[in-house]
Protein backbone atom coordinates (compact mmCIF):
# COMPACT_ATOMS: atom_id res chain seq x y z
CA MET A 1 0.00 0.00 0.00
CA PRO A 2 1.34 3.48 -0.78
CA SER A 3 3.24 4.59 2.31
CA LEU A 4 4.03 8.11 3.49
CA GLN A 5 7.47 7.14 4.75
CA GLY A 6 10.58 8.42 3.09
CA LEU A 7 13.27 5.76 2.66
CA CYS A 8 13.59 3.27 -0.18
CA THR A 9 13.07 -0.41 0.54
CA ALA A 10 16.36 -2.23 0.27
CA ALA A 11 14.90 -5.48 -1.06
CA LEU A 12 13.93 -3.99 -4.41
CA LEU A 13 15.96 -0.79 -4.45
CA LEU A 14 19.74 -0.64 -4.47
CA LEU A 15 21.72 2.56 -4.81
CA GLN A 16 24.83 2.03 -6.85
CA CYS A 17 25.91 5.53 -7.75
CA GLY A 18 29.41 4.43 -8.67
CA SER A 19 28.37 1.84 -11.25
CA PRO A 20 29.46 2.26 -14.87
CA VAL A 21 27.00 3.86 -17.25
CA LEU A 22 26.19 2.54 -20.71
CA ALA A 23 25.03 4.34 -23.82
CA ASP A 24 21.61 5.93 -23.79
CA ILE A 25 18.53 4.17 -25.14
CA PRO A 26 17.93 5.88 -28.49
CA ILE A 27 14.40 7.31 -28.27
CA GLN A 28 12.77 9.31 -31.00
CA PRO A 29 9.57 10.61 -29.35
CA ASP A 30 7.81 10.98 -32.70
CA SER A 31 8.44 7.37 -33.74
CA ILE A 32 6.22 4.48 -32.68
CA ASP A 33 8.95 2.00 -33.62
CA SER A 34 11.53 3.82 -31.52
CA LEU A 35 9.22 4.06 -28.53
CA ARG A 36 8.19 0.42 -28.87
CA SER A 37 11.83 -0.68 -28.87
CA ALA A 38 12.65 1.52 -25.88
CA GLY A 39 9.62 0.17 -24.05
CA MET A 40 10.88 -3.39 -24.39
CA GLU A 41 14.35 -2.33 -23.22
CA ILE A 42 12.60 -1.10 -20.07
CA ALA A 43 10.01 -3.87 -19.74
CA ASP A 44 12.44 -6.81 -19.86
CA PRO A 45 14.29 -5.89 -16.64
CA MET A 46 10.97 -4.81 -15.12
CA MET A 47 9.62 -8.32 -15.55
CA LYS A 48 12.83 -9.83 -14.17
CA PHE A 49 12.46 -7.73 -11.02
CA TYR A 50 8.82 -8.82 -10.83
CA GLU A 51 9.57 -12.51 -11.18
CA GLN A 52 12.54 -12.45 -8.81
CA ASN A 53 10.63 -10.75 -6.01
CA GLN A 54 7.47 -12.82 -5.93
CA THR A 55 6.79 -14.07 -2.42
CA GLU A 56 7.46 -17.82 -2.43
CA GLY A 57 6.74 -17.81 -6.16
CA ILE A 58 3.12 -16.67 -5.74
CA PRO A 59 2.06 -14.92 -8.98
CA GLY A 60 1.28 -11.27 -8.32
CA LYS A 61 2.39 -11.22 -4.67
CA LEU A 62 5.63 -9.34 -4.14
CA THR A 63 7.75 -9.30 -1.02
CA GLY A 64 6.49 -6.54 1.25
CA THR A 65 3.72 -5.34 -1.04
CA TRP A 66 0.69 -6.52 -2.95
CA TYR A 67 -0.71 -3.60 -4.94
CA VAL A 68 2.52 -2.84 -6.82
CA ALA A 69 2.13 -5.94 -8.99
CA GLY A 70 -1.38 -4.82 -9.96
CA ALA A 71 -0.06 -1.38 -10.87
CA MET A 72 2.66 -3.00 -12.96
CA MET A 73 0.10 -5.14 -14.81
CA MET A 74 -1.99 -2.04 -15.49
CA THR A 75 1.13 -0.42 -16.97
CA TRP A 76 2.03 -3.39 -19.17
CA ILE A 77 -1.53 -3.70 -20.50
CA GLN A 78 -1.54 -0.02 -21.49
CA TYR A 79 1.88 -0.44 -23.13
CA TRP A 80 0.69 -3.54 -24.98
CA GLN A 81 -2.25 -1.63 -26.47
CA ALA A 82 -0.07 1.27 -27.58
CA SER A 83 2.82 -0.81 -28.89
CA GLY A 84 1.34 -4.12 -30.04
CA GLU A 85 4.09 -5.98 -28.15
CA SER A 86 2.59 -9.10 -26.53
CA LYS A 87 5.66 -10.83 -25.07
CA TYR A 88 4.33 -10.86 -21.50
CA ASN A 89 0.59 -10.94 -22.20
CA ASP A 90 0.06 -14.55 -21.15
CA GLU A 91 1.88 -14.06 -17.85
CA ILE A 92 0.05 -10.82 -17.10
CA GLN A 93 -3.33 -12.32 -18.01
CA HIS A 94 -2.74 -15.32 -15.73
CA ASP A 95 -1.43 -13.34 -12.78
CA LEU A 96 -4.06 -10.61 -12.99
CA MET A 97 -6.77 -13.24 -12.73
CA PHE A 98 -4.85 -15.32 -10.18
CA GLN A 99 -4.86 -12.44 -7.71
CA ALA A 100 -8.60 -11.76 -8.12
CA GLY A 101 -9.22 -13.98 -5.11
CA GLU A 102 -11.88 -16.45 -4.13
CA ASN A 103 -14.76 -14.10 -4.91
CA TYR A 104 -13.18 -12.31 -7.89
CA ASP A 105 -13.08 -8.97 -6.09
CA TYR A 106 -9.35 -8.49 -5.37
CA PHE A 107 -9.99 -9.04 -1.69
CA SER A 108 -8.46 -12.45 -1.11
CA SER A 109 -8.54 -13.85 2.40
CA ASN A 110 -4.76 -14.23 2.09
CA TYR A 111 -4.34 -10.44 2.27
CA SER A 112 -7.65 -8.91 3.30
CA GLN A 113 -6.71 -8.59 6.99
CA TRP A 114 -4.09 -5.95 6.24
CA LEU A 115 -5.17 -4.29 2.99
CA GLY A 116 -5.95 -0.64 2.46
CA ASN A 117 -8.60 0.72 0.12
CA ASP A 118 -5.89 2.03 -2.19
CA ASP A 119 -4.35 -1.45 -2.48
CA GLN A 120 -7.59 -2.96 -3.75
CA MET A 121 -8.29 0.09 -5.89
CA PHE A 122 -5.13 -0.33 -7.98
CA TRP A 123 -6.18 -3.84 -8.97
CA GLY A 124 -9.60 -2.46 -9.90
CA LEU A 125 -7.90 0.11 -12.14
CA ALA A 126 -5.83 -2.66 -13.71
CA ALA A 127 -9.03 -4.57 -14.47
CA ILE A 128 -10.85 -1.63 -16.04
CA THR A 129 -7.70 -0.88 -18.07
CA ALA A 130 -7.92 -4.43 -19.41
CA SER A 131 -11.53 -3.79 -20.44
CA GLU A 132 -10.78 -0.43 -22.06
CA THR A 133 -7.85 -1.78 -24.07
CA GLY A 134 -9.49 -5.01 -25.22
CA PHE A 135 -7.02 -7.18 -23.32
CA ALA A 136 -7.89 -10.86 -23.74
CA GLU A 137 -10.46 -12.29 -21.35
CA VAL A 138 -9.82 -15.54 -19.47
CA SER A 139 -12.07 -18.33 -20.70
CA GLY A 140 -14.54 -19.55 -18.10
CA LYS A 141 -13.75 -16.72 -15.67
CA PRO A 142 -15.53 -13.43 -14.92
CA THR A 143 -14.72 -10.60 -17.30
CA TRP A 144 -12.29 -7.86 -16.37
CA THR A 145 -15.30 -5.54 -16.18
CA SER A 146 -16.85 -7.79 -13.55
CA LEU A 147 -13.70 -7.63 -11.46
CA ALA A 148 -13.50 -3.83 -11.71
CA ARG A 149 -17.14 -3.55 -10.79
CA ALA A 150 -16.70 -5.85 -7.79
CA VAL A 151 -13.94 -3.59 -6.46
CA PHE A 152 -16.17 -0.56 -6.95
CA GLN A 153 -19.09 -2.20 -5.15
CA MET A 154 -16.98 -3.25 -2.16
CA GLN A 155 -15.47 0.19 -1.83
CA VAL A 156 -18.67 2.23 -2.04
CA ASP A 157 -20.11 -0.11 0.59
CA ARG A 158 -17.37 1.27 2.85
CA TRP A 159 -18.47 4.89 2.33
CA ASP A 160 -18.22 6.49 5.77
CA SER A 161 -21.04 8.98 6.27
CA GLN A 162 -20.58 9.00 10.04
CA HIS A 163 -17.34 10.97 9.91
CA CYS A 164 -16.74 14.13 7.87
CA GLY A 165 -19.99 13.54 6.00
CA GLY A 166 -18.53 10.87 3.72
CA GLY A 167 -15.40 9.57 2.06
CA ILE A 168 -13.61 6.28 2.43
CA THR A 169 -10.77 5.68 4.84
CA TRP A 170 -7.21 4.87 3.86
CA GLN A 171 -7.19 1.58 5.75
CA ILE A 172 -10.07 -0.89 5.78
CA TRP A 173 -9.97 -2.30 9.30
CA PRO A 174 -10.26 -0.36 12.61
CA TYR A 175 -7.18 -2.08 14.07
CA GLN A 176 -4.92 -0.64 11.36
CA ALA A 177 -2.85 2.46 11.89
CA GLY A 178 -4.29 5.05 9.53
CA TYR A 179 -7.87 3.75 9.73
CA THR A 180 -9.17 7.20 10.69
CA MET A 181 -7.33 8.88 7.83
CA LYS A 182 -9.08 9.75 4.58
CA ASN A 183 -6.58 10.31 1.84
CA ALA A 184 -6.53 11.52 -1.73
CA ILE A 185 -5.37 8.31 -3.37
CA SER A 186 -8.18 6.20 -1.87
CA ASN A 187 -10.92 8.70 -2.65
CA GLY A 188 -9.40 9.97 -5.89
CA GLY A 189 -8.79 6.41 -7.01
CA LEU A 190 -12.40 5.44 -6.33
CA PHE A 191 -13.53 8.58 -8.15
CA GLU A 192 -11.44 7.60 -11.18
CA LEU A 193 -12.67 4.00 -11.11
CA SER A 194 -16.30 5.20 -10.88
CA ALA A 195 -15.86 7.61 -13.79
CA ARG A 196 -14.19 4.98 -15.96
CA LEU A 197 -16.91 2.43 -15.20
CA ALA A 198 -19.54 5.06 -16.02
CA ARG A 199 -18.06 5.68 -19.44
CA PHE A 200 -17.28 2.03 -20.16
CA THR A 201 -20.69 0.62 -19.21
CA ASN A 202 -22.79 3.75 -19.85
CA ASN A 203 -24.38 3.15 -16.46
CA GLU A 204 -25.54 6.25 -14.62
CA THR A 205 -25.08 4.69 -11.18
CA TYR A 206 -21.32 4.90 -11.58
CA ALA A 207 -21.59 8.52 -12.72
CA GLU A 208 -23.70 9.37 -9.68
CA TRP A 209 -21.02 7.97 -7.45
CA ALA A 210 -18.30 9.83 -9.33
CA ASN A 211 -20.18 13.08 -8.72
CA LYS A 212 -20.72 12.18 -5.08
CA ILE A 213 -17.05 11.43 -4.47
CA TRP A 214 -15.95 14.60 -6.27
CA ASP A 215 -18.37 16.77 -4.29
CA TRP A 216 -17.32 15.24 -0.99
CA SER A 217 -13.62 15.60 -1.82
CA ALA A 218 -14.18 19.25 -2.73
CA SER A 219 -15.80 19.84 0.68
CA THR A 220 -12.52 18.87 2.37
CA PRO A 221 -8.88 19.96 2.00
CA LEU A 222 -8.27 16.95 -0.23
CA LEU A 223 -9.49 18.84 -3.30
CA ASN A 224 -9.42 22.63 -3.39
CA THR A 225 -11.39 23.69 -6.46
CA LYS A 226 -10.23 27.31 -6.21
CA THR A 227 -6.48 26.73 -6.09
CA TRP A 228 -6.60 23.20 -7.54
CA TYR A 229 -4.38 22.05 -4.71
CA ILE A 230 -4.74 18.39 -3.74
CA ALA A 231 -3.73 17.53 -0.19
CA ASP A 232 -2.42 14.06 0.50
CA SER A 233 -4.68 13.32 3.45
CA THR A 234 -7.08 14.52 6.11
CA SER A 235 -8.43 12.89 9.28
CA ASN A 236 -11.68 12.04 10.99
CA GLU A 237 -10.28 13.21 14.36
CA ASN A 238 -10.19 16.79 13.07
CA ASN A 239 -13.46 16.52 11.15
CA CYS A 240 -11.45 16.52 7.93
CA LYS A 241 -10.28 20.10 8.39
CA ASP A 242 -6.56 19.27 8.59
CA ALA A 243 -4.37 18.38 5.62
CA GLY A 244 -1.22 16.44 4.81
CA GLN A 245 0.78 18.90 2.73
CA LEU A 246 3.04 16.66 0.65
CA GLN A 247 2.31 16.80 -3.07
CA TRP A 248 2.28 13.61 -5.14
CA THR A 249 1.72 13.19 -8.86
CA TYR A 250 -0.61 10.21 -8.56
CA ASN A 251 -3.05 12.08 -6.31
CA TYR A 252 -3.45 14.75 -8.98
CA GLY A 253 -3.56 12.07 -11.66
CA THR A 254 -6.55 10.23 -10.22
CA TYR A 255 -8.71 13.34 -10.03
CA LEU A 256 -7.47 14.59 -13.42
CA ALA A 257 -8.19 11.32 -15.21
CA GLY A 258 -11.54 10.89 -13.47
CA ALA A 259 -12.60 14.40 -14.50
CA ALA A 260 -11.53 13.68 -18.09
CA PHE A 261 -13.62 10.50 -18.18
CA MET A 262 -16.61 12.41 -16.78
CA TYR A 263 -16.16 15.16 -19.38
CA ASN A 264 -16.24 12.54 -22.10
CA TYR A 265 -19.11 10.61 -20.52
CA THR A 266 -21.22 13.78 -20.31
CA ASN A 267 -20.47 14.66 -23.94
CA GLY A 268 -18.47 17.75 -23.13
CA ASP A 269 -20.03 19.19 -19.97
CA GLN A 270 -18.39 22.58 -19.45
CA GLU A 271 -18.11 22.24 -15.68
CA TRP A 272 -16.10 19.06 -16.08
CA LEU A 273 -13.95 20.85 -18.67
CA ARG A 274 -13.27 23.62 -16.16
CA ARG A 275 -12.22 21.02 -13.63
CA VAL A 276 -9.96 19.23 -16.08
CA ASN A 277 -8.23 22.46 -17.05
CA GLY A 278 -7.82 23.55 -13.44
CA LEU A 279 -6.25 20.26 -12.38
CA LEU A 280 -4.09 20.04 -15.49
CA ASP A 281 -2.64 23.53 -15.10
CA SER A 282 -1.98 22.92 -11.42
CA SER A 283 -0.30 19.58 -12.16
CA ILE A 284 1.96 21.09 -14.81
CA ALA A 285 2.96 23.96 -12.54
CA LYS A 286 3.87 21.62 -9.68
CA PHE A 287 5.36 18.59 -11.36
CA TYR A 288 7.04 19.99 -14.49
CA PRO A 289 9.50 22.36 -12.78
CA ALA A 290 10.92 25.21 -14.81
CA LYS A 291 14.38 24.54 -13.35
CA PHE A 292 14.45 21.26 -15.29
CA GLY A 293 13.24 22.87 -18.50
CA GLY A 294 9.52 22.60 -17.83
CA ASN A 295 9.14 19.49 -19.99
CA VAL A 296 9.96 16.55 -17.71
CA LEU A 297 7.89 15.09 -14.90
CA SER A 298 9.37 15.22 -11.41
CA GLU A 299 8.19 13.76 -8.09
CA VAL A 300 9.15 16.99 -6.41
CA SER A 301 8.49 15.93 -2.82
CA CYS A 302 11.21 13.30 -2.74
CA GLU A 303 13.44 13.26 -5.83
CA GLY A 304 15.78 16.07 -4.80
CA PRO A 305 17.02 14.45 -1.58
CA MET A 306 16.52 10.94 -3.06
CA THR A 307 14.10 9.93 -0.32
CA CYS A 308 11.37 8.42 -2.52
CA ASP A 309 10.16 5.13 -1.08
CA ARG A 310 9.25 2.17 -3.26
CA ASN A 311 5.67 3.40 -3.67
CA GLN A 312 6.59 6.93 -4.63
CA LEU A 313 9.04 5.65 -7.24
CA GLY A 314 6.13 4.40 -9.33
CA PHE A 315 3.83 7.42 -9.24
CA LYS A 316 5.09 9.23 -12.35
CA GLY A 317 4.30 6.30 -14.61
CA TYR A 318 0.63 6.36 -13.61
CA MET A 319 0.50 10.12 -13.99
CA SER A 320 1.98 9.93 -17.51
CA MET A 321 -0.63 7.44 -18.69
CA TRP A 322 -3.49 9.34 -17.03
CA MET A 323 -2.33 12.56 -18.69
CA ALA A 324 -2.41 10.73 -22.03
CA MET A 325 -5.95 9.56 -21.33
CA THR A 326 -6.88 13.16 -20.56
CA ALA A 327 -5.51 14.37 -23.91
CA ILE A 328 -7.44 11.64 -25.73
CA LEU A 329 -10.75 12.18 -23.94
CA VAL A 330 -10.52 15.98 -23.78
CA PRO A 331 -8.94 16.91 -27.13
CA SER A 332 -8.56 20.58 -26.22
CA THR A 333 -5.88 19.59 -23.67
CA ALA A 334 -3.71 17.71 -26.17
CA GLU A 335 -1.78 20.81 -27.21
CA LYS A 336 -0.53 21.24 -23.64
CA ILE A 337 -0.02 17.58 -22.80
CA THR A 338 1.66 16.24 -25.95
CA PRO A 339 5.00 18.13 -25.64
CA LEU A 340 5.19 17.20 -21.96
CA LEU A 341 4.85 13.49 -22.63
CA LYS A 342 7.37 13.74 -25.46
CA GLY A 343 9.71 15.51 -23.06
CA ASN A 344 9.45 12.61 -20.64
CA SER A 345 10.57 10.19 -23.38
CA GLU A 346 13.47 12.40 -24.43
CA HIS A 347 14.78 12.56 -20.87
CA LEU A 348 14.24 8.84 -20.24
CA SER A 349 16.52 8.22 -23.21
CA LYS A 350 19.34 9.59 -21.04
CA GLN A 351 18.27 8.36 -17.62
CA CYS A 352 17.68 4.73 -18.66
CA SER A 353 21.36 3.95 -19.09
CA GLY A 354 22.32 1.90 -16.04
CA GLU A 355 24.37 -1.30 -16.00
CA ALA A 356 24.15 -4.03 -18.60
CA GLU A 357 20.39 -3.75 -19.04
CA ASN A 358 20.11 0.02 -19.40
CA LEU A 359 18.27 0.32 -16.09
CA CYS A 360 16.21 3.42 -15.32
CA GLY A 361 16.49 5.70 -12.32
CA VAL A 362 14.05 7.99 -10.57
CA ARG A 363 15.33 11.43 -11.67
CA TRP A 364 14.11 11.59 -15.25
CA TYR A 365 15.55 15.10 -15.57
CA GLN A 366 19.10 13.88 -14.91
CA ASP A 367 21.20 13.21 -18.02
CA THR A 368 22.95 10.19 -16.50
CA TRP A 369 21.57 7.21 -14.61
CA ASP A 370 21.09 8.21 -10.96
CA GLY A 371 21.90 4.76 -9.57
CA THR A 372 18.39 3.77 -8.50
CA GLN A 373 17.16 0.39 -9.67
CA GLY A 374 14.16 -1.87 -9.08
CA LEU A 375 10.71 -2.83 -10.28
CA GLU A 376 9.06 0.47 -9.43
CA VAL A 377 11.42 2.73 -11.38
CA GLN A 378 11.24 0.42 -14.39
CA MET A 379 7.44 0.43 -14.46
CA ALA A 380 7.38 4.21 -13.97
CA ALA A 381 9.67 4.63 -16.96
CA LEU A 382 7.55 2.24 -19.02
CA GLY A 383 4.51 4.35 -18.10
CA GLY A 384 6.39 7.44 -19.24
CA ILE A 385 7.15 5.89 -22.62
CA THR A 386 3.61 4.52 -22.90
CA GLY A 387 1.97 7.89 -22.32
CA ASN A 388 3.88 9.29 -25.28
CA MET A 389 2.92 6.29 -27.44
CA MET A 390 -0.76 6.53 -26.52
CA LEU A 391 -0.96 9.99 -28.04
CA LEU A 392 1.24 9.24 -31.03
CA LYS A 393 -0.87 6.20 -31.90
CA ASP A 394 -4.14 7.89 -30.85
CA VAL A 395 -5.20 4.74 -28.99
CA GLN A 396 -8.87 4.01 -28.53
CA ILE A 397 -10.20 3.94 -24.98
CA LYS A 398 -12.88 1.36 -25.57
CA THR A 399 -16.39 1.08 -24.15
CA ILE A 400 -18.56 -1.98 -23.84
CA GLU A 401 -19.96 -1.13 -27.27
CA THR A 402 -16.54 -1.36 -28.90
CA ASN A 403 -15.37 -4.25 -26.70
CA PRO A 404 -18.40 -6.56 -26.45
CA ASP A 405 -16.22 -9.38 -25.07
CA ALA A 406 -16.06 -7.37 -21.85
CA ASP A 407 -19.81 -7.58 -21.26
CA GLU A 408 -20.33 -9.29 -17.93
CA ASN A 409 -22.79 -11.70 -19.50
CA HIS A 410 -20.42 -12.68 -22.31
CA ILE A 411 -18.77 -15.33 -20.13
CA ASN A 412 -21.12 -17.39 -17.99
CA THR A 413 -19.86 -17.28 -14.42
CA GLY A 414 -23.12 -18.34 -12.82
CA ASP A 415 -23.80 -15.20 -10.81
CA SER A 416 -22.60 -12.22 -12.83
CA GLN A 417 -24.91 -9.28 -13.35
CA SER A 418 -25.28 -6.96 -16.27
CA PRO A 419 -23.70 -3.52 -15.77
CA ASP A 420 -27.13 -1.91 -16.17
CA LYS A 421 -28.54 -3.86 -13.24
CA LEU A 422 -26.44 -2.73 -10.32
CA PRO A 423 -27.92 -3.62 -6.95
CA PRO A 424 -28.84 -0.69 -4.71
CA ILE A 425 -26.57 -0.07 -1.75
CA GLU A 426 -28.65 -0.99 1.26
CA THR A 427 -28.12 -0.23 4.94
CA GLY A 428 -28.09 -3.95 5.53
CA ASP A 429 -25.03 -4.31 3.31
CA ARG A 430 -23.11 -1.85 5.46
CA ALA A 431 -24.34 -3.54 8.62
CA GLY A 432 -23.19 -6.88 7.28
CA ALA A 433 -19.79 -5.47 6.51
CA TRP A 434 -19.56 -4.04 10.03
CA ILE A 435 -20.50 -7.36 11.59
CA LEU A 436 -17.86 -9.09 9.49
CA THR A 437 -15.31 -6.56 10.69
CA VAL A 438 -16.16 -7.18 14.33
CA LEU A 439 -16.01 -10.95 13.90
CA LEU A 440 -12.67 -10.68 12.18
CA ILE A 441 -11.26 -8.51 14.93
CA LEU A 442 -12.44 -10.91 17.62
CA GLY A 443 -10.84 -13.79 15.77
CA ILE A 444 -7.42 -12.22 15.50
CA PRO A 445 -4.87 -12.49 18.31
CA GLY A 446 -4.18 -9.48 20.48
CA THR A 447 -0.97 -8.83 18.63
CA VAL A 448 -3.04 -7.29 15.87
CA GLY A 449 -3.07 -4.04 17.80
CA TRP A 450 0.47 -3.33 16.72
CA LEU A 451 0.21 -4.85 13.26
CA ILE A 452 2.15 -2.73 10.82
CA LYS A 453 0.90 -2.82 7.25
CA THR A 454 3.79 -3.06 4.83
CA ALA A 455 2.03 -3.17 1.50
C-alpha cells in the first residue's frame, strides 16, 4: 500500500551511484517503432524484477507489497495496447486473474486482513484498463469488467457517512494504523474508477457515485477547487479540516483522469472541462518544474534528496498514462499535454542507461543514470514511454460497445450481473460489513493491535 514514509526499501531498491554507465537508449519521441523498442528495453528488466521478487513464487504477490504488482500489470496492458508488443501478455493475463481472489473482487482472504482501500483500488484500475484496451479475457472466468465492478461495489459499501460527511478511509480495518485517515489516493482512485466504469458501461449509477465522491472531496482539503491544490490526506479526528501537505503526482492524476472521463461521458459538460483544465494547469505547474526545463515530470516531494520510497518511485508512470488519457478524452488539452509526454521520453533516453540492461532511475531530468534500480522505477519509466505512445498512436479507450467481449454476461460465471442492473446499496449491506469486521477482529490475536501494514 502506498506509504508516506521516506526511505527506499532495500529489497527492491539498491543505490549504486558508482556503477558504470552505458550508452543511452535511443528514443525518438515521434516514432512508434523507436518508442516500442525503448519500451521493451525497459520492460524486460521490469519483468525480471517482478519474477525475482514474488513471495514464495506466488504470482502477483511481491515481497512486502501486494498492490505494486497490480499497478505493474496495469502499466504493461496499457503499453501492450499502444505498442502491439505481446511478449508478456500470457503471464500478465494469468497473474491478474490469479490475484482476483476467491470471490473475484481483489480481496483475497490471504491479504484482506491488512489491505488498504488504495491497495484494492489499484487492482480495480488494472481490471478496467484491461476492459478499455481489449485485453484478452480468461475463458470460463468473470470478465475484467466484472472484477473492476466488484472492487467498486466493495469500496462504495465502505463509504463512511458518520465521519466528515462521507469519504472512504485509507485503511479498511479499525485495528490498522491510519484507519481514521481519509486520503486523496483512496478517494481519488475510487472517483477515477467510478468515472471509468460510467463511461465504459454507460451506467448512470457509476456517474452518480463519481459526482458524489468529487463533491465530498471538494468539501474537504483533499481537493481545493479554487487553487486546484490536492492535499495528500485529512483525518476524521479533526473533522477533515486538517491536511497532509506533501504533493504527489498520482493524487493529482486520479482526479485529473476521473474528471476527463466524466467530461467525455457527459459529452463535453463545461463544468467538467473547467475542472480538467484547473487540475491540469496545477499539475503542470507543480510537477514539471521550470528549473528542469519545464518538460519533464518530477516527483518533487522526494526526488531532490533521493528519499522516494518504493511506492513513490512508481507514481510518475501512472501520472503519464493518465495525462495521455486526458488528452485523448478531452482533445482541447492535447496541445498542452503532448509536448510534456514527449519531453518525458526524451529525458528517459538519457536516464535509462544503467548497468548491462540500461536500467532506469528515478530522476528523469538527470542526463545520467542516478543509480536507483528496481521494479518500481522500471514500471514508472515504461509508463512514461507509454503515455507518449498513446498519443502518437491515438489509442482508442474502448467502451462496452466497442469491446463486447467485456460484457459481464459474455462469459457465464453463474452469478454475474449486467452492468445496467447494479444492486442498490442498502443499509443492511453496510451492517453486514460491520459485523464481518467485528467478527474478524475478535478472531485475531491481540498482537493485531500493533500490526504494521507493509504493502
